[in-house]
């Protein structure tokens, strides 16, 4: 048995006779149990092309909606290849359309931004 100071700031300070190893074990067990119930939201990504087909876009949007329903953040990337870099306005229009389609389940987290040959937008669940 050990003498453990429970509340040092109290008047008078509170001490207890306990088995310290057992006490530490139960504390760590409570902490692990608390961590088990915490849901971590991941960052998922969908990649698009500025001249994507209608059906392909619908498929990617459905995938994004399922990610958002699972409480994940989604990074929407439009990748430009070769001479497509001269048509970046098509990518911006595409991202605006994606945001319009996802407005009932998501909100824009960060503004649209060019990162090299990619245009990126982050959306998070409502």
Protein backbone atom coordinates (compact mmCIF):
# COMPACT_ATOMS: atom_id res chain seq x y z
CA UNK A 1 0.00 0.00 0.00
CA UNK A 2 1.16 3.50 -0.79
CA UNK A 3 0.29 6.93 0.60
CA UNK A 4 -0.83 8.99 -2.42
CA UNK A 5 -1.61 12.70 -2.38
CA UNK A 6 -4.98 13.03 -4.15
CA UNK A 7 -5.70 16.77 -3.90
CA UNK A 8 -2.62 18.84 -3.00
CA UNK A 9 -4.38 22.24 -3.28
CA UNK A 10 -7.16 21.45 -0.78
CA UNK A 11 -7.06 22.69 2.80
CA UNK A 12 -5.88 20.37 4.36
CA UNK A 13 -4.28 18.31 1.53
CA UNK A 14 -6.05 15.00 0.87
CA UNK A 15 -4.09 11.73 0.93
CA UNK A 16 -5.20 8.15 0.44
CA UNK A 17 -3.81 4.70 1.17
CA UNK A 18 -4.03 2.76 -2.12
CA UNK A 19 -2.15 0.29 -4.27
CA UNK A 20 -0.44 2.76 -6.62
CA UNK A 21 0.27 0.28 -9.46
CA UNK A 22 -3.38 -0.77 -9.54
CA UNK A 23 -4.42 2.89 -9.48
CA UNK A 24 -2.18 3.74 -12.47
CA UNK A 25 -3.46 0.67 -14.35
CA UNK A 26 -7.12 1.64 -13.89
CA UNK A 27 -6.36 5.24 -14.93
CA UNK A 28 -4.66 4.10 -18.15
CA UNK A 29 -7.55 1.72 -18.83
CA UNK A 30 -10.07 4.57 -18.51
CA UNK A 31 -7.96 6.72 -20.84
CA UNK A 32 -7.80 3.95 -23.49
CA UNK A 33 -11.56 3.44 -23.21
CA UNK A 34 -12.11 7.16 -23.77
CA UNK A 35 -9.85 7.19 -26.84
CA UNK A 36 -11.74 4.27 -28.37
CA UNK A 37 -14.94 6.30 -28.78
CA UNK A 38 -13.29 9.31 -30.46
CA UNK A 39 -13.92 9.42 -34.22
CA UNK A 40 -11.04 10.81 -36.25
CA UNK A 41 -12.05 12.48 -39.47
CA UNK A 42 -9.73 11.69 -42.33
CA UNK A 43 -8.92 13.69 -45.41
CA UNK A 44 -10.20 11.97 -48.55
CA UNK A 45 -9.49 13.12 -52.10
CA UNK A 46 -11.31 13.00 -55.40
CA UNK A 47 -9.42 13.85 -58.58
CA UNK A 48 -11.06 15.42 -61.59
CA UNK A 49 -10.02 16.56 -65.05
CA UNK A 50 -11.16 19.91 -66.48
CA UNK A 51 -12.88 18.10 -69.40
CA UNK A 52 -14.42 15.24 -67.40
CA UNK A 53 -17.40 13.35 -68.79
CA UNK A 54 -20.84 13.76 -67.27
CA UNK A 55 -21.13 10.18 -65.98
CA UNK A 56 -17.59 10.22 -64.56
CA UNK A 57 -18.36 13.45 -62.70
CA UNK A 58 -21.56 11.96 -61.27
CA UNK A 59 -19.62 8.91 -60.06
CA UNK A 60 -16.98 11.07 -58.36
CA UNK A 61 -19.66 13.26 -56.75
CA UNK A 62 -21.40 10.18 -55.33
CA UNK A 63 -18.09 9.05 -53.89
CA UNK A 64 -17.53 12.50 -52.34
CA UNK A 65 -21.03 12.45 -50.83
CA UNK A 66 -20.35 9.08 -49.21
CA UNK A 67 -17.08 10.41 -47.75
CA UNK A 68 -18.89 13.46 -46.37
CA UNK A 69 -21.64 11.32 -44.83
CA UNK A 70 -18.91 9.39 -42.99
CA UNK A 71 -17.75 12.77 -41.56
CA UNK A 72 -14.54 12.94 -43.59
CA UNK A 73 -13.13 16.09 -45.13
CA UNK A 74 -12.77 15.95 -48.92
CA UNK A 75 -10.07 17.50 -51.06
CA UNK A 76 -11.35 18.11 -54.60
CA UNK A 77 -8.47 18.31 -57.09
CA UNK A 78 -8.63 19.30 -60.75
CA UNK A 79 -5.45 18.19 -62.50
CA UNK A 80 -4.32 20.02 -65.64
CA UNK A 81 -2.15 18.22 -68.21
CA UNK A 82 -0.14 19.85 -70.99
CA UNK A 83 -1.96 22.66 -72.79
CA UNK A 84 -4.93 22.41 -70.44
CA UNK A 85 -3.04 24.90 -68.25
CA UNK A 86 -4.27 27.63 -70.60
CA UNK A 87 -7.89 26.71 -69.74
CA UNK A 88 -7.81 27.07 -65.95
CA UNK A 89 -11.20 28.83 -66.05
CA UNK A 90 -12.76 25.45 -66.99
CA UNK A 91 -11.33 24.00 -63.78
CA UNK A 92 -12.74 26.83 -61.68
CA UNK A 93 -16.19 26.39 -63.27
CA UNK A 94 -15.97 22.65 -62.56
CA UNK A 95 -15.14 23.26 -58.90
CA UNK A 96 -18.02 25.73 -58.63
CA UNK A 97 -20.33 23.09 -60.08
CA UNK A 98 -19.02 20.47 -57.63
CA UNK A 99 -19.65 22.86 -54.73
CA UNK A 100 -23.17 23.52 -56.04
CA UNK A 101 -23.87 19.76 -56.22
CA UNK A 102 -22.53 19.17 -52.69
CA UNK A 103 -24.13 22.21 -51.02
CA UNK A 104 -26.74 20.11 -49.19
CA UNK A 105 -24.08 17.95 -47.45
CA UNK A 106 -20.93 20.12 -47.41
CA UNK A 107 -19.51 23.60 -47.05
CA UNK A 108 -16.37 25.05 -48.59
CA UNK A 109 -13.55 24.99 -46.07
CA UNK A 110 -10.89 26.82 -48.04
CA UNK A 111 -10.88 28.94 -51.20
CA UNK A 112 -9.95 27.48 -54.56
CA UNK A 113 -6.18 27.60 -54.95
CA UNK A 114 -3.68 26.67 -57.67
CA UNK A 115 -0.88 24.39 -56.49
CA UNK A 116 1.41 23.86 -59.46
CA UNK A 117 -0.62 22.07 -62.15
CA UNK A 118 -3.53 21.36 -59.77
CA UNK A 119 -6.48 23.43 -58.65
CA UNK A 120 -7.52 22.45 -55.12
CA UNK A 121 -10.60 23.02 -52.97
CA UNK A 122 -11.39 21.58 -49.53
CA UNK A 123 -14.93 20.81 -48.41
CA UNK A 124 -16.09 19.60 -45.02
CA UNK A 125 -19.37 18.09 -43.83
CA UNK A 126 -22.10 20.37 -42.48
